[in-house]
Protein backbone atom coordinates (compact mmCIF):
# COMPACT_ATOMS: atom_id res chain seq x y z
CA UNK A 1 96.33 121.35 103.22
CA UNK A 2 94.60 121.91 99.83
CA UNK A 3 96.62 121.54 96.67
CA UNK A 4 97.36 124.35 94.22
CA UNK A 5 96.49 123.74 90.57
CA UNK A 6 97.48 125.92 87.60
CA UNK A 7 95.17 125.95 84.58
CA UNK A 8 95.94 127.28 81.09
CA UNK A 9 92.74 127.58 79.02
CA UNK A 10 92.26 128.58 75.39
CA UNK A 11 89.77 128.43 72.54
CA UNK A 12 90.11 128.16 68.75
CA UNK A 13 87.72 128.71 65.88
CA UNK A 14 88.04 128.06 62.14
CA UNK A 15 85.92 130.97 61.04
CA UNK A 16 83.96 133.09 63.50
CA UNK A 17 81.42 131.50 63.59
CA UNK A 18 82.74 128.15 62.46
CA UNK A 19 84.24 124.91 63.67
CA UNK A 20 85.52 125.45 67.19
CA UNK A 21 87.63 123.76 69.83
CA UNK A 22 88.61 124.33 73.46
CA UNK A 23 91.63 123.19 75.45
CA UNK A 24 92.57 123.08 79.14
CA UNK A 25 96.11 122.28 80.29
CA UNK A 26 95.98 121.43 84.00
CA UNK A 27 99.15 121.34 86.11
CA UNK A 28 99.00 119.98 89.66
CA UNK A 29 101.91 119.68 92.06
CA UNK A 30 102.44 116.07 90.96
CA UNK A 31 100.77 115.50 87.59
CA UNK A 32 99.65 117.18 84.37
CA UNK A 33 96.32 116.69 82.58
CA UNK A 34 95.15 117.59 79.09
CA UNK A 35 91.50 118.07 78.21
CA UNK A 36 89.96 119.24 74.96
CA UNK A 37 86.82 119.10 72.86
CA UNK A 38 84.90 121.03 70.23
CA UNK A 39 81.69 121.72 68.38
CA UNK A 40 80.62 122.17 64.77
CA UNK A 41 79.34 125.74 64.79
CA UNK A 42 80.45 128.19 67.44
CA UNK A 43 82.49 131.33 68.07
CA UNK A 44 85.93 131.95 69.49
CA UNK A 45 84.54 133.61 72.63
CA UNK A 46 82.27 130.64 73.35
CA UNK A 47 85.22 128.26 73.06
CA UNK A 48 87.30 130.44 75.42
CA UNK A 49 84.49 130.30 77.97
CA UNK A 50 83.99 126.56 77.50
CA UNK A 51 87.70 125.92 78.09
CA UNK A 52 87.51 127.74 81.42
CA UNK A 53 84.33 125.91 82.47
CA UNK A 54 85.67 122.45 81.55
CA UNK A 55 89.05 123.11 83.18
CA UNK A 56 87.52 124.28 86.47
CA UNK A 57 85.00 121.43 86.59
CA UNK A 58 87.86 118.94 86.28
CA UNK A 59 89.52 120.23 89.48
CA UNK A 60 88.57 119.32 93.08
CA UNK A 61 86.43 121.88 94.89
CA UNK A 62 88.95 122.41 97.69
CA UNK A 63 91.89 123.11 95.35
CA UNK A 64 93.38 126.59 94.97
CA UNK A 65 93.16 127.44 91.26
CA UNK A 66 95.42 129.79 89.32
CA UNK A 67 93.95 130.31 85.85
CA UNK A 68 95.78 131.82 82.86
CA UNK A 69 93.84 132.88 79.76
CA UNK A 70 94.81 134.93 76.71
CA UNK A 71 91.23 136.24 76.44
CA UNK A 72 90.60 139.50 78.25
CA UNK A 73 86.94 138.90 77.37
CA UNK A 74 86.98 135.94 79.75
CA UNK A 75 89.30 137.39 82.38
CA UNK A 76 87.58 140.76 82.67
CA UNK A 77 84.13 139.27 82.26
CA UNK A 78 84.43 136.95 85.27
CA UNK A 79 86.37 139.41 87.47
CA UNK A 80 84.80 142.80 86.54
CA UNK A 81 81.74 142.79 84.29
CA UNK A 82 79.78 139.86 85.72
CA UNK A 83 78.50 141.77 88.77
CA UNK A 84 76.79 144.31 86.52
CA UNK A 85 75.44 141.59 84.24
CA UNK A 86 73.77 139.89 87.19
CA UNK A 87 72.21 143.17 88.36
CA UNK A 88 70.55 143.66 84.99
CA UNK A 89 69.53 139.99 84.90
CA UNK A 90 71.84 139.18 81.97
CA UNK A 91 69.97 141.54 79.65
CA UNK A 92 71.81 142.19 76.34
CA UNK A 93 74.71 139.98 77.46
CA UNK A 94 76.26 137.80 74.75
CA UNK A 95 76.69 134.10 75.60
CA UNK A 96 74.63 134.32 78.82
CA UNK A 97 74.31 130.53 79.06
CA UNK A 98 78.07 130.04 79.26
CA UNK A 99 78.64 133.02 81.54
CA UNK A 100 76.07 131.60 83.96
CA UNK A 101 77.74 128.19 83.80
CA UNK A 102 81.15 129.75 84.47
CA UNK A 103 79.76 131.76 87.36
CA UNK A 104 78.20 128.61 88.82
CA UNK A 105 81.35 126.47 88.64
CA UNK A 106 83.37 129.26 90.27
CA UNK A 107 81.11 129.46 93.32
CA UNK A 108 82.77 128.29 96.54
CA UNK A 109 86.21 128.02 94.93
CA UNK A 110 89.48 129.86 95.57
CA UNK A 111 90.41 131.14 92.10
CA UNK A 112 92.93 133.71 90.89
CA UNK A 113 92.57 134.85 87.27
CA UNK A 114 95.47 136.08 85.11
CA UNK A 115 95.68 137.37 81.54
CA UNK A 116 98.63 136.35 79.35
CA UNK A 117 99.51 137.48 75.85
CA UNK A 118 98.65 134.73 73.37
CA UNK A 119 101.13 133.19 70.92
CA UNK A 120 104.05 134.80 72.72
CA UNK A 121 106.01 131.65 73.51
CA UNK A 122 104.52 130.97 76.96
CA UNK A 123 104.72 127.18 77.35
CA UNK A 124 101.43 126.75 79.22
CA UNK A 125 99.47 128.98 76.85
CA UNK A 126 100.97 127.29 73.79
CA UNK A 127 99.94 123.89 75.14
CA UNK A 128 96.36 125.07 75.74
CA UNK A 129 96.27 126.45 72.19
CA UNK A 130 97.46 123.11 70.79
CA UNK A 131 94.75 121.31 72.76
CA UNK A 132 92.08 123.69 71.45
CA UNK A 133 93.16 122.93 67.89
CA UNK A 134 93.03 119.21 68.70
CA UNK A 135 89.42 119.83 69.68
CA UNK A 136 88.76 121.38 66.25
CA UNK A 137 90.42 118.43 64.51
CA UNK A 138 88.43 115.97 66.59
CA UNK A 139 85.15 117.50 65.40
CA UNK A 140 86.30 117.48 61.80
CA UNK A 141 87.24 113.81 62.01
CA UNK A 142 83.95 112.85 63.66
CA UNK A 143 81.73 114.54 61.10
CA UNK A 144 79.82 111.99 59.09
CA UNK A 145 77.74 114.17 56.76
CA UNK A 146 79.79 116.44 54.47
CA UNK A 147 76.75 118.70 54.13
CA UNK A 148 77.41 119.78 57.69
CA UNK A 149 80.70 121.32 56.63
CA UNK A 150 80.38 125.05 57.26
CA UNK A 151 82.29 125.74 54.08
CA UNK A 152 79.82 123.70 51.94
CA UNK A 153 76.43 124.21 53.58
CA UNK A 154 75.05 127.66 52.63
CA UNK A 155 72.76 127.70 55.65
CA UNK A 156 75.68 127.35 58.04
CA UNK A 157 77.47 130.17 56.24
CA UNK A 158 74.89 132.55 57.75
CA UNK A 159 73.31 133.87 54.53
CA UNK A 160 71.08 136.31 56.45
CA UNK A 161 73.91 137.80 58.52
CA UNK A 162 72.39 136.92 61.89
CA UNK A 163 75.43 135.11 63.28
CA UNK A 164 77.70 137.71 61.74
CA UNK A 165 75.98 140.42 63.77
CA UNK A 166 76.56 138.44 66.96
CA UNK A 167 80.19 137.78 66.03
CA UNK A 168 80.63 141.48 65.32
CA UNK A 169 79.33 142.38 68.78
CA UNK A 170 81.63 139.82 70.38
CA UNK A 171 84.59 141.09 68.39
CA UNK A 172 83.80 144.62 69.58
CA UNK A 173 83.84 143.48 73.20
CA UNK A 174 87.10 141.63 72.61
CA UNK A 175 88.61 144.69 70.93
CA UNK A 176 87.71 146.85 73.93
CA UNK A 177 89.49 144.40 76.23
CA UNK A 178 92.49 144.00 73.94
CA UNK A 179 92.89 147.77 73.65
CA UNK A 180 93.81 147.76 77.32
CA UNK A 181 96.00 144.65 77.06
CA UNK A 182 99.28 146.52 76.66
CA UNK A 183 98.50 148.75 79.62
CA UNK A 184 97.56 145.68 81.65
CA UNK A 185 100.83 143.99 80.69
CA UNK A 186 102.85 147.02 81.78
CA UNK A 187 101.27 147.23 85.22
CA UNK A 188 100.48 143.54 85.81
CA UNK A 189 103.52 143.03 88.00
CA UNK A 190 102.58 145.97 90.23
CA UNK A 191 98.97 144.86 90.66
CA UNK A 192 99.96 142.09 93.05
CA UNK A 193 100.35 143.87 96.39
CA UNK A 194 103.27 141.71 97.50
CA UNK A 195 105.49 142.13 94.44
CA UNK A 196 107.67 145.19 94.97
CA UNK A 197 109.09 146.55 91.71
CA UNK A 198 110.91 149.87 91.93
CA UNK A 199 110.94 151.79 88.63
CA UNK A 200 114.24 152.96 87.12
CA UNK A 201 115.34 156.49 88.00
CA UNK A 202 117.64 156.62 84.98
CA UNK A 203 116.65 155.58 81.48
CA UNK A 204 119.87 154.10 80.13
CA UNK A 205 120.54 152.29 76.86
CA UNK A 206 122.46 149.01 76.79
CA UNK A 207 122.39 145.41 77.96
CA UNK A 208 120.44 144.90 81.18
CA UNK A 209 122.33 143.19 83.98
CA UNK A 210 120.42 141.98 87.02
CA UNK A 211 122.39 141.28 90.15
CA UNK A 212 120.27 138.63 91.84
CA UNK A 213 120.01 136.56 94.98
CA UNK A 214 117.52 134.07 96.41
CA UNK A 215 116.74 132.62 99.81
CA UNK A 216 115.42 129.07 100.06
CA UNK A 217 114.15 126.49 102.55
CA UNK A 218 117.31 124.43 102.07
CA UNK A 219 120.16 123.51 99.76
CA UNK A 220 118.61 120.81 97.56
CA UNK A 221 115.91 121.63 95.02
CA UNK A 222 115.88 117.92 94.08
CA UNK A 223 114.61 117.09 97.58
CA UNK A 224 111.71 119.52 97.49
CA UNK A 225 113.33 122.68 98.88
CA UNK A 226 111.68 125.85 97.56
CA UNK A 227 112.45 129.53 97.06
CA UNK A 228 111.09 131.88 99.71
CA UNK A 229 112.63 135.21 98.63
CA UNK A 230 113.93 136.76 95.40
CA UNK A 231 115.74 140.08 95.11
CA UNK A 232 117.47 141.71 92.13
CA UNK A 233 118.83 145.16 91.22
CA UNK A 234 119.20 146.43 87.66
CA UNK A 235 122.42 147.75 86.16
CA UNK A 236 123.10 149.12 82.65
CA UNK A 237 126.52 150.29 81.45
CA UNK A 238 127.96 149.71 84.95
CA UNK A 239 125.42 152.09 86.49
CA UNK A 240 122.59 151.11 88.81
CA UNK A 241 119.36 152.41 87.30
CA UNK A 242 117.44 152.40 90.57
CA UNK A 243 115.12 149.61 89.40
CA UNK A 244 114.77 146.51 91.56
CA UNK A 245 112.40 143.65 92.30
CA UNK A 246 111.75 142.03 95.69
CA UNK A 247 109.31 139.24 96.50
CA UNK A 248 108.63 136.98 99.48
CA UNK A 249 107.07 133.62 98.56
CA UNK A 250 105.09 131.05 100.53
CA UNK A 251 106.84 127.71 99.87
CA UNK A 252 103.88 125.64 101.17
CA UNK A 253 106.31 123.78 103.45
CA UNK A 254 108.22 124.58 106.68
CA UNK A 255 111.43 126.60 106.31
CA UNK A 256 113.13 124.36 108.87
CA UNK A 257 116.68 125.07 110.01
CA UNK A 258 117.22 127.55 107.16
CA UNK A 259 115.54 130.16 109.36
CA UNK A 260 118.89 130.43 111.16
CA UNK A 261 120.43 131.75 107.92
CA UNK A 262 117.79 134.15 106.62
CA UNK A 263 115.58 134.75 109.66
CA UNK A 264 112.39 134.30 107.61
CA UNK A 265 109.81 132.38 109.64
CA UNK A 266 106.86 130.21 108.65
CA UNK A 267 104.53 132.72 110.33
CA UNK A 268 105.93 135.58 108.23
CA UNK A 269 105.45 133.64 104.99
CA UNK A 270 101.94 132.42 105.80
CA UNK A 271 100.12 135.23 103.93
CA UNK A 272 102.67 135.57 101.12
CA UNK A 273 101.85 134.50 97.52
CA UNK A 274 102.82 131.08 96.24
CA UNK A 275 105.27 130.90 93.34
CA UNK A 276 102.61 130.30 90.67
CA UNK A 277 101.01 133.64 91.54
CA UNK A 278 104.19 135.68 91.01
CA UNK A 279 105.89 133.54 88.36
CA UNK A 280 104.79 135.50 85.28
CA UNK A 281 105.63 139.04 86.57
CA UNK A 282 108.97 137.80 87.89
CA UNK A 283 109.75 136.00 84.61
CA UNK A 284 108.85 139.12 82.62
CA UNK A 285 111.17 141.26 84.76
CA UNK A 286 114.12 138.87 84.51
CA UNK A 287 113.95 137.54 80.95
CA UNK A 288 116.48 138.80 78.42
CA UNK A 289 118.89 140.14 81.02
CA UNK A 290 122.32 138.92 82.08
CA UNK A 291 121.84 137.37 85.51
CA UNK A 292 124.76 137.98 87.86
CA UNK A 293 124.76 135.87 91.03
CA UNK A 294 127.22 134.53 93.59
CA UNK A 295 127.28 130.75 93.19
CA UNK A 296 124.86 131.23 90.29
CA UNK A 297 124.33 127.49 89.75
CA UNK A 298 122.49 127.32 93.08
CA UNK A 299 120.13 130.20 92.29
CA UNK A 300 119.52 129.16 88.67
CA UNK A 301 118.72 125.55 89.57
CA UNK A 302 116.05 126.73 91.99
CA UNK A 303 114.65 129.36 89.60
CA UNK A 304 114.55 126.91 86.69
CA UNK A 305 112.72 124.40 88.86
CA UNK A 306 110.18 126.95 90.11
CA UNK A 307 109.44 128.40 86.67
CA UNK A 308 108.98 124.93 85.19
CA UNK A 309 106.52 124.06 87.97
CA UNK A 310 104.59 127.19 87.03
CA UNK A 311 104.49 126.14 83.36
CA UNK A 312 107.08 128.65 82.16
CA UNK A 313 110.40 128.06 80.34
CA UNK A 314 113.60 127.62 82.30
CA UNK A 315 115.11 131.01 83.14
CA UNK A 316 118.48 129.84 81.80
CA UNK A 317 116.94 129.57 78.31
CA UNK A 318 116.06 133.27 78.17
CA UNK A 319 118.97 134.78 80.13
CA UNK A 320 122.75 134.63 80.14
CA UNK A 321 124.37 133.91 83.49
CA UNK A 322 127.54 135.20 85.17
CA UNK A 323 128.82 133.54 88.35
CA UNK A 324 130.80 135.92 90.56
CA UNK A 325 131.97 133.01 92.73
CA UNK A 326 133.72 131.44 89.73
CA UNK A 327 135.19 134.84 88.85
CA UNK A 328 136.48 135.30 92.41
CA UNK A 329 138.05 131.83 92.52
CA UNK A 330 139.88 132.56 89.28
CA UNK A 331 141.04 135.95 90.52
CA UNK A 332 141.93 134.83 94.07
CA UNK A 333 142.82 131.12 93.94
CA UNK A 334 143.27 129.36 97.25
CA UNK A 335 141.53 132.12 99.22
CA UNK A 336 138.11 132.44 100.80
CA UNK A 337 135.69 133.80 98.21
CA UNK A 338 132.39 133.95 100.02
CA UNK A 339 130.44 137.19 99.67
CA UNK A 340 131.48 138.21 103.18
CA UNK A 341 135.14 137.50 102.38
CA UNK A 342 134.98 139.58 99.20
CA UNK A 343 133.33 142.45 101.07
CA UNK A 344 136.26 142.50 103.50
CA UNK A 345 138.87 142.06 100.76
CA UNK A 346 137.52 144.91 98.62
CA UNK A 347 136.66 147.09 101.62
CA UNK A 348 133.03 147.38 100.59
CA UNK A 349 131.03 149.57 103.03
CA UNK A 350 129.68 147.36 105.80
CA UNK A 351 125.96 146.55 106.09
CA UNK A 352 124.09 144.69 108.80
CA UNK A 353 124.06 141.03 107.71
CA UNK A 354 122.93 139.37 110.93
CA UNK A 355 120.61 137.51 108.59
CA UNK A 356 120.96 137.02 104.86
CA UNK A 357 118.38 138.80 102.70
CA UNK A 358 117.96 138.44 98.95
CA UNK A 359 117.67 142.13 98.07
CA UNK A 360 120.36 143.18 100.57
CA UNK A 361 122.78 140.55 99.26
CA UNK A 362 122.03 141.60 95.67
CA UNK A 363 122.93 145.21 96.52
CA UNK A 364 126.15 144.10 98.22
CA UNK A 365 127.04 141.85 95.29
CA UNK A 366 126.60 144.81 92.92
CA UNK A 367 129.34 146.65 94.85
CA UNK A 368 131.57 143.57 94.79
CA UNK A 369 131.01 142.89 91.07
CA UNK A 370 131.84 146.45 90.03
CA UNK A 371 134.99 146.48 92.11
CA UNK A 372 136.10 143.04 90.99
CA UNK A 373 135.57 143.81 87.29
CA UNK A 374 137.51 147.01 86.95
CA UNK A 375 136.95 149.45 89.75
CA UNK A 376 134.01 150.80 91.61
CA UNK A 377 131.71 153.43 90.19
CA UNK A 378 129.53 155.75 92.22
CA UNK A 379 126.39 153.86 93.18
CA UNK A 380 124.50 156.96 94.28
CA UNK A 381 122.42 157.69 91.19
CA UNK A 382 122.02 161.44 91.61
CA UNK A 383 125.70 161.93 92.46
CA UNK A 384 126.71 159.72 89.55
CA UNK A 385 124.62 161.81 87.14
CA UNK A 386 126.06 165.05 88.54
CA UNK A 387 129.62 163.80 88.13
CA UNK A 388 128.86 162.67 84.58
CA UNK A 389 127.67 166.19 83.74
CA UNK A 390 130.83 167.65 85.25
CA UNK A 391 133.02 165.30 83.18
CA UNK A 392 131.14 166.31 80.03
CA UNK A 393 131.72 169.98 80.79
CA UNK A 394 135.40 169.44 81.44
CA UNK A 395 135.81 167.61 78.15
CA UNK A 396 134.57 170.71 76.25
CA UNK A 397 137.43 173.25 75.73
CA UNK A 398 134.97 176.10 75.19
CA UNK A 399 133.29 175.73 78.59
CA UNK A 400 136.33 174.55 80.50
CA UNK A 401 138.57 177.51 79.48
CA UNK A 402 141.73 175.43 79.61
CA UNK A 403 145.08 177.37 79.34
CA UNK A 404 147.86 175.40 77.71
CA UNK A 405 151.43 176.02 78.91
CA UNK A 406 153.85 176.81 76.05
CA UNK A 407 157.59 176.23 76.64
CA UNK A 408 159.78 178.24 74.23
CA UNK A 409 163.36 177.12 73.31
CA UNK A 410 166.42 179.09 74.40
CA UNK A 411 168.87 180.70 71.92
CA UNK A 412 171.41 177.93 72.53
CA UNK A 413 168.75 175.24 71.81
CA UNK A 414 167.77 177.00 68.60
CA UNK A 415 171.41 177.17 67.50
CA UNK A 416 171.92 173.46 68.19
CA UNK A 417 168.77 172.64 66.22
CA UNK A 418 169.92 174.70 63.25
CA UNK A 419 173.29 172.92 63.21
CA UNK A 420 171.56 169.52 63.37
CA UNK A 421 169.34 170.49 60.41
CA UNK A 422 172.37 171.55 58.33
CA UNK A 423 174.10 168.21 58.99
CA UNK A 424 170.99 166.35 57.79
CA UNK A 425 170.81 168.46 54.62
CA UNK A 426 174.49 167.94 53.88
CA UNK A 427 174.15 164.21 54.28
CA UNK A 428 171.02 163.87 52.08
CA UNK A 429 171.83 166.60 49.52
CA UNK A 430 168.40 168.22 49.79
CA UNK A 431 166.52 170.59 52.12
CA UNK A 432 165.44 169.06 55.39
CA UNK A 433 161.82 169.03 56.49
CA UNK A 434 162.85 170.75 59.74
CA UNK A 435 164.81 173.58 58.08
CA UNK A 436 163.51 177.07 58.63
CA UNK A 437 162.85 177.73 54.94
CA UNK A 438 161.03 174.37 54.52
CA UNK A 439 158.99 174.98 57.64
CA UNK A 440 158.09 178.47 56.46
CA UNK A 441 156.92 177.11 53.10
CA UNK A 442 154.89 174.38 54.83
CA UNK A 443 153.15 176.89 57.05
């Protein structure tokens, strides 16, 4: 079975053109490698391409490669534009030598390309950027002749504007790619056919809560067990928005006896993506939310491990976590507090749980959490919205036409009140607030 390798590649340039460096951060299933280098006069795009070429060449031919780059120029060039460039025999293509090298090293390999926003805190991308800058520094330290310094040698400063014209053309291509970057980011998670993200049906304001569950190959992430399914539903202000995420994952190992719990077989998972392929979209969906899970330590340990393997931060560093199992034990000490037990205790509507499923269990846990933390709310989104509109109408006295009941006092009650007022006035030697004359004046 071939290994899966994740590459983070980046380029850097001090001036464009100027001193340049490239970096490749290579993460295998067992080890990590760092490669970098540079050149005295180059452009940022050439360094981005060189980083990809050097990183790929370092890896075995039979390895499955997952490559992350913050250059849409590179990502779109190798996945979209290169076919047209070949048809026109590389005419008017900038950096044809490097594009042809990249095309050559990609031949016969299993490669998946991904774009990632640069300088956004992504651990793998930040490492590649650091390596690229090490490449720049290495060139600066190796330079023997100060006349070769681009800042001192007028020839290398492009006095005739030839390199500037090339850089301008490259910058234009990069700008075209970057203009679509935000759109790409928004839809990146839906571009993978096996990541199912349901959009929200209600646009609510407030802290996102994600009720989450996972299924795994076993109980011990320390012993190599892996996640095979992730499901989560979104809630804001105690209302389900309708948004959810659901992914099946190929663990690259047998599921073993855990199939008796979740019913997910090796055959079913064979064509599913590995974790590195879905890590970034999943991380983007989850980060910043409050994660609510039953026995949350179990799920978070596995998620932290998987994200770290993919070169991302631990999920627990970008999310808060609420454990409903701990809440249930505090609320019902000495009793069974499994999800099934809580469903029975709170009389949650029954669902078929012959086998556990991540998304199904997340939906059930949402019912349990709402009930356990202060009473159930309507989970049907349309009905919930309709009832909210009705409550708003009822709170408005103009539209609700409420008739208040007025109870008038009897003659005997009025006489008793008057006598009580007189006694107060006699005692205090001044008119009482409740006396008829005082009340008349006040009105």
